[in-house]
Protein backbone atom coordinates (compact mmCIF):
# COMPACT_ATOMS: atom_id res chain seq x y z
CA UNK A 1 3.53 -15.86 -19.16
CA UNK A 2 5.90 -15.59 -16.78
CA UNK A 3 8.90 -16.98 -17.25
CA UNK A 4 12.31 -17.23 -15.15
CA UNK A 5 15.51 -19.05 -14.72
CA UNK A 6 15.95 -21.04 -11.90
CA UNK A 7 19.44 -23.58 -10.24
CA UNK A 8 22.39 -22.79 -9.51
CA UNK A 9 24.32 -19.52 -11.37
CA UNK A 10 25.56 -21.02 -14.66
CA UNK A 11 23.31 -24.01 -14.36
CA UNK A 12 19.99 -22.26 -14.44
CA UNK A 13 17.48 -23.58 -16.39
CA UNK A 14 14.01 -22.37 -18.92
CA UNK A 15 10.46 -22.43 -16.24
CA UNK A 16 7.29 -20.98 -15.83
CA UNK A 17 5.32 -19.85 -12.99
CA UNK A 18 1.88 -21.60 -12.97
CA UNK A 19 -1.78 -20.12 -11.73
CA UNK A 20 -0.59 -21.55 -8.06
CA UNK A 21 2.65 -19.18 -7.95
CA UNK A 22 5.06 -22.72 -8.50
CA UNK A 23 7.58 -23.38 -11.02
CA UNK A 24 7.28 -25.35 -14.46
CA UNK A 25 10.18 -26.91 -16.15
CA UNK A 26 10.67 -25.67 -19.09
CA UNK A 27 13.75 -27.82 -19.79
CA UNK A 28 12.03 -30.15 -21.83
CA UNK A 29 11.13 -27.46 -24.77
CA UNK A 30 13.71 -25.21 -24.68
CA UNK A 31 17.48 -25.38 -23.50
CA UNK A 32 17.37 -21.63 -22.03
CA UNK A 33 15.44 -18.87 -21.83
CA UNK A 34 18.21 -16.65 -24.14
CA UNK A 35 17.85 -16.85 -28.25
CA UNK A 36 15.32 -18.16 -29.89
CA UNK A 37 13.49 -18.85 -27.42
CA UNK A 38 12.01 -16.12 -27.63
CA UNK A 39 11.28 -14.96 -30.16
CA UNK A 40 7.10 -14.82 -30.85
CA UNK A 41 6.34 -18.05 -32.42
CA UNK A 42 8.93 -19.91 -29.65
CA UNK A 43 6.87 -18.23 -26.83
CA UNK A 44 3.60 -19.27 -29.21
CA UNK A 45 4.20 -22.55 -29.15
CA UNK A 46 5.29 -22.30 -25.38
CA UNK A 47 1.64 -20.73 -24.15
CA UNK A 48 0.12 -23.16 -25.99
CA UNK A 49 1.32 -26.41 -23.38
CA UNK A 50 -0.23 -26.15 -20.60
CA UNK A 51 1.81 -26.24 -17.30
CA UNK A 52 -0.20 -28.99 -15.12
CA UNK A 53 1.69 -31.50 -17.62
CA UNK A 54 4.53 -29.42 -17.43
CA UNK A 55 7.48 -30.86 -13.68
CA UNK A 56 6.78 -29.20 -10.86
CA UNK A 57 9.73 -27.74 -9.43
CA UNK A 58 10.29 -28.73 -6.30
CA UNK A 59 11.16 -26.34 -2.77
CA UNK A 60 12.36 -23.33 -3.61
CA UNK A 61 15.39 -22.65 -6.23
CA UNK A 62 17.39 -19.37 -6.80
CA UNK A 63 16.22 -17.64 -9.30
CA UNK A 64 18.39 -16.32 -11.75
CA UNK A 65 18.64 -13.85 -14.23
CA UNK A 66 15.39 -13.63 -15.91
CA UNK A 67 17.07 -14.02 -19.34
CA UNK A 68 20.38 -15.75 -20.53
CA UNK A 69 23.16 -14.83 -23.07
CA UNK A 70 22.39 -11.19 -23.17
CA UNK A 71 24.12 -9.86 -25.66
CA UNK A 72 23.63 -5.93 -25.08
CA UNK A 73 22.37 -3.87 -21.99
CA UNK A 74 21.44 -0.63 -23.48
CA UNK A 75 20.75 1.77 -20.49
CA UNK A 76 18.23 5.06 -21.09
CA UNK A 77 19.47 8.03 -18.71
CA UNK A 78 17.10 10.42 -16.85
CA UNK A 79 14.02 8.91 -18.37
CA UNK A 80 11.60 10.32 -15.58
CA UNK A 81 10.70 13.85 -15.56
CA UNK A 82 10.83 13.66 -11.90
CA UNK A 83 14.44 11.54 -11.24
CA UNK A 84 15.50 14.68 -13.98
CA UNK A 85 13.96 17.77 -11.49
CA UNK A 86 15.51 15.72 -8.69
CA UNK A 87 18.54 15.68 -10.30
CA UNK A 88 18.57 19.64 -11.63
CA UNK A 89 19.25 18.26 -15.29
CA UNK A 90 16.81 19.64 -18.06
CA UNK A 91 13.99 17.47 -19.60
CA UNK A 92 16.52 15.69 -22.75
CA UNK A 93 15.18 16.34 -25.44
CA UNK A 94 16.01 12.27 -27.17
CA UNK A 95 16.98 9.60 -25.06
CA UNK A 96 20.46 9.94 -23.62
CA UNK A 97 21.56 6.46 -23.70
CA UNK A 98 25.00 4.69 -22.05
CA UNK A 99 25.95 0.95 -21.79
CA UNK A 100 25.84 -1.43 -18.93
CA UNK A 101 28.26 -4.59 -18.83
CA UNK A 102 26.03 -7.85 -19.60
CA UNK A 103 28.88 -8.72 -16.95
CA UNK A 104 27.50 -7.13 -14.26
CA UNK A 105 24.01 -9.08 -14.44
CA UNK A 106 22.59 -11.22 -11.30
CA UNK A 107 20.15 -13.07 -10.29
CA UNK A 108 17.54 -10.80 -8.92
CA UNK A 109 17.73 -11.94 -4.81
CA UNK A 110 21.68 -12.61 -5.65
CA UNK A 111 24.05 -10.42 -3.40
CA UNK A 112 25.51 -6.77 -4.93
CA UNK A 113 29.30 -6.43 -4.14
CA UNK A 114 30.20 -2.83 -3.30
CA UNK A 115 33.28 -2.18 -5.48
CA UNK A 116 37.13 -1.14 -4.01
CA UNK A 117 37.14 1.80 -2.05
CA UNK A 118 33.15 3.43 -3.34
CA UNK A 119 31.82 5.65 -1.33
CA UNK A 120 28.77 6.58 -3.76
CA UNK A 121 27.04 3.24 -4.62
CA UNK A 122 23.92 3.82 -5.54
CA UNK A 123 19.83 2.66 -6.47
CA UNK A 124 17.69 2.66 -9.12
CA UNK A 125 14.60 0.73 -9.90
CA UNK A 126 13.88 0.42 -13.50
CA UNK A 127 11.45 -1.08 -15.77
CA UNK A 128 13.33 -3.06 -17.91
CA UNK A 129 12.41 -4.99 -21.75
CA UNK A 130 13.76 -7.94 -23.70
CA UNK A 131 14.32 -8.34 -26.61
CA UNK A 132 12.37 -11.59 -28.75
CA UNK A 133 13.11 -10.58 -32.67
CA UNK A 134 16.38 -8.92 -34.97
CA UNK A 135 15.44 -5.78 -35.25
CA UNK A 136 17.05 -2.64 -37.12
CA UNK A 137 14.78 1.12 -37.60
CA UNK A 138 11.75 -0.77 -36.62
CA UNK A 139 8.33 1.70 -36.03
CA UNK A 140 7.58 3.02 -32.85
CA UNK A 141 3.65 1.05 -34.17
CA UNK A 142 5.16 -1.69 -34.32
CA UNK A 143 7.94 -1.51 -31.58
CA UNK A 144 5.77 -3.75 -29.04
CA UNK A 145 5.73 -6.71 -32.11
CA UNK A 146 9.99 -7.13 -31.17
CA UNK A 147 9.26 -7.08 -27.54
CA UNK A 148 9.20 -10.11 -25.70
CA UNK A 149 8.66 -9.19 -22.76
CA UNK A 150 9.04 -7.02 -19.88
CA UNK A 151 10.95 -7.70 -15.99
CA UNK A 152 12.42 -5.92 -12.63
CA UNK A 153 16.10 -3.82 -13.40
CA UNK A 154 17.41 -2.89 -10.45
CA UNK A 155 20.17 -0.69 -12.10
CA UNK A 156 22.83 -0.45 -9.39
CA UNK A 157 24.81 2.47 -10.07
CA UNK A 158 28.30 4.05 -8.35
CA UNK A 159 28.53 7.76 -8.73
CA UNK A 160 31.72 9.19 -8.45
CA UNK A 161 33.06 5.87 -11.24
CA UNK A 162 29.75 7.62 -12.94
CA UNK A 163 29.64 11.49 -12.98
CA UNK A 164 32.84 12.15 -11.45
CA UNK A 165 35.41 11.93 -14.00
CA UNK A 166 36.17 12.03 -17.36
CA UNK A 167 34.68 9.89 -20.74
CA UNK A 168 30.85 8.23 -19.89
CA UNK A 169 28.60 7.33 -17.58
CA UNK A 170 29.24 2.94 -18.47
CA UNK A 171 32.17 3.18 -16.40
CA UNK A 172 29.95 3.83 -12.94
CA UNK A 173 26.98 1.30 -14.11
CA UNK A 174 28.65 -1.76 -15.44
CA UNK A 175 30.50 -3.32 -12.36
CA UNK A 176 30.23 -7.38 -11.20
CA UNK A 177 26.74 -7.82 -9.74
CA UNK A 178 25.62 -4.05 -11.19
CA UNK A 179 23.19 -5.71 -12.97
CA UNK A 180 19.85 -7.46 -11.03
CA UNK A 181 17.13 -8.78 -13.94
CA UNK A 182 13.69 -10.70 -12.45
CA UNK A 183 11.95 -12.62 -11.19
CA UNK A 184 10.17 -13.16 -14.11
CA UNK A 185 10.45 -12.49 -17.53
CA UNK A 186 6.09 -11.30 -17.74
CA UNK A 187 5.56 -11.06 -21.87
CA UNK A 188 3.08 -8.09 -22.87
CA UNK A 189 -0.37 -10.11 -23.07
CA UNK A 190 -0.04 -10.26 -19.30
CA UNK A 191 0.49 -6.48 -18.78
CA UNK A 192 -2.77 -3.98 -19.94
CA UNK A 193 -1.16 -0.58 -19.77
CA UNK A 194 3.28 -0.50 -19.75
CA UNK A 195 3.21 2.90 -19.32
CA UNK A 196 0.42 2.84 -16.67
CA UNK A 197 3.07 0.32 -13.84
CA UNK A 198 3.55 1.56 -9.69
CA UNK A 199 7.32 1.40 -9.09
CA UNK A 200 8.76 1.07 -5.48
CA UNK A 201 12.10 0.86 -3.72
CA UNK A 202 13.51 0.54 0.21
CA UNK A 203 16.51 0.57 1.52
CA UNK A 204 16.59 -1.28 4.79
CA UNK A 205 12.51 -0.95 4.98
CA UNK A 206 12.02 2.69 3.90
CA UNK A 207 10.83 3.88 0.45
CA UNK A 208 12.93 5.92 -0.57
CA UNK A 209 10.90 5.58 -4.36
CA UNK A 210 7.59 5.64 -5.25
CA UNK A 211 7.01 6.34 -9.08
CA UNK A 212 5.27 5.31 -11.83
CA UNK A 213 6.33 4.63 -15.59
CA UNK A 214 3.23 6.91 -16.61
CA UNK A 215 5.89 9.73 -15.14
CA UNK A 216 8.12 8.47 -18.11
CA UNK A 217 9.37 10.60 -20.49
CA UNK A 218 10.48 8.41 -23.53
CA UNK A 219 7.94 4.91 -23.29
CA UNK A 220 9.18 1.72 -24.25
CA UNK A 221 8.07 1.54 -27.92
CA UNK A 222 9.89 4.89 -29.13
CA UNK A 223 12.65 3.99 -27.07
CA UNK A 224 13.15 -0.16 -28.83
CA UNK A 225 12.54 2.15 -31.84
CA UNK A 226 15.13 4.73 -31.38
CA UNK A 227 17.65 2.58 -30.29
CA UNK A 228 17.48 0.12 -33.23
CA UNK A 229 18.12 3.47 -35.05
CA UNK A 230 21.88 3.29 -34.23
CA UNK A 231 22.44 -0.73 -33.53
CA UNK A 232 21.02 -4.01 -34.21
CA UNK A 233 18.70 -4.98 -32.26
CA UNK A 234 19.05 -9.25 -31.38
CA UNK A 235 17.04 -11.95 -29.10
CA UNK A 236 17.87 -11.77 -25.63
CA UNK A 237 18.80 -8.30 -25.34
CA UNK A 238 18.19 -6.43 -22.47
CA UNK A 239 17.44 -2.14 -22.58
CA UNK A 240 16.69 -0.74 -18.53
CA UNK A 241 14.37 2.28 -18.81
CA UNK A 242 15.26 4.97 -16.60
CA UNK A 243 14.03 5.24 -12.99
CA UNK A 244 11.39 7.32 -11.29
CA UNK A 245 12.63 9.79 -7.93
CA UNK A 246 14.20 8.87 -5.02
CA UNK A 247 17.46 8.01 -5.56
CA UNK A 248 20.55 8.19 -3.50
CA UNK A 249 22.66 11.29 -5.03
CA UNK A 250 19.27 13.25 -5.06
CA UNK A 251 18.58 13.17 -1.42
CA UNK A 252 19.64 16.00 0.91
CA UNK A 253 22.28 15.25 1.82
CA UNK A 254 22.67 12.48 -0.50
CA UNK A 255 22.74 9.16 0.53
CA UNK A 256 24.38 5.98 -0.51
CA UNK A 257 24.84 2.13 0.28
CA UNK A 258 26.74 0.83 2.46
CA UNK A 259 27.49 -3.50 3.30
CA UNK A 260 25.30 -4.79 5.34
CA UNK A 261 21.91 -2.54 3.48
CA UNK A 262 19.38 -4.74 2.58
CA UNK A 263 17.47 -2.74 -0.97
CA UNK A 264 13.44 -4.79 -2.49
CA UNK A 265 11.95 -3.39 -4.90
CA UNK A 266 9.83 -3.59 -6.99
CA UNK A 267 7.48 -3.22 -10.17
CA UNK A 268 3.43 -3.98 -10.45
CA UNK A 269 2.55 -6.81 -12.48
CA UNK A 270 6.59 -7.75 -12.80
CA UNK A 271 7.33 -8.64 -9.48
CA UNK A 272 10.05 -7.81 -6.60
CA UNK A 273 14.21 -8.20 -6.38
CA UNK A 274 15.68 -7.98 -2.75
CA UNK A 275 19.81 -8.11 -2.55
CA UNK A 276 21.91 -7.37 0.50
CA UNK A 277 24.61 -4.71 -0.33
CA UNK A 278 27.84 -6.37 0.73
CA UNK A 279 31.93 -5.46 0.46
CA UNK A 280 33.54 -7.01 -2.14
CA UNK A 281 34.70 -9.87 -3.03
CA UNK A 282 36.52 -11.85 -5.70
């Protein structure tokens, strides 16, 4: 299934995408695409609903982030061998973890605000995992069973905040609007091989990133298992798993985003995003 949240910010309703690409309203069956609604039991019930029996959503409503009420927003750094190479970093021997603030999450096509004074705002197309079952110490073999689905994430980053001061990467990762998610939450049964999905990102129509999840150092199942050793994962938690090469920081000379730039990105089978980058405005 391709599951969505649609409507005005903060008032999104749950829905699904039917065979014709139309949105069908699920709000009569679940209150939101969040928490317990993401469990295996809940998703199995939703899968039994005939889409044509659900109300058709008219027009072209805004897509909200494809998961609501996110508790933990966890990210994996330098998780693509070819991206590590472009930054000059060594291949990590175990996943590098950091947090993105859940408050940075926005819809896939919402505007992204460049922080005040920022000179180094960058882009990163990433595969994100949405957890569907509470778990701790889950094995790599069983990790897929706790995943509700996958989606596209733009791990927007401010590189000066991230790397040039003291402290940890999270300073450059959780600024307001730095976490576009969606358009869809795609359940695992729709994806033949999550470790072989094409990924791309354009800035103002120019292709910057063109990669594949096959170059991930630590695959989706391993990442979930690994993180579950250090914290309890809850339904609705999001894990964004790293980016392929082609980020602005890795170019010679580096290229960063400015107000008015348009970023488009997508992952095979998971849909596309489009963001206008704007100057900070509260």
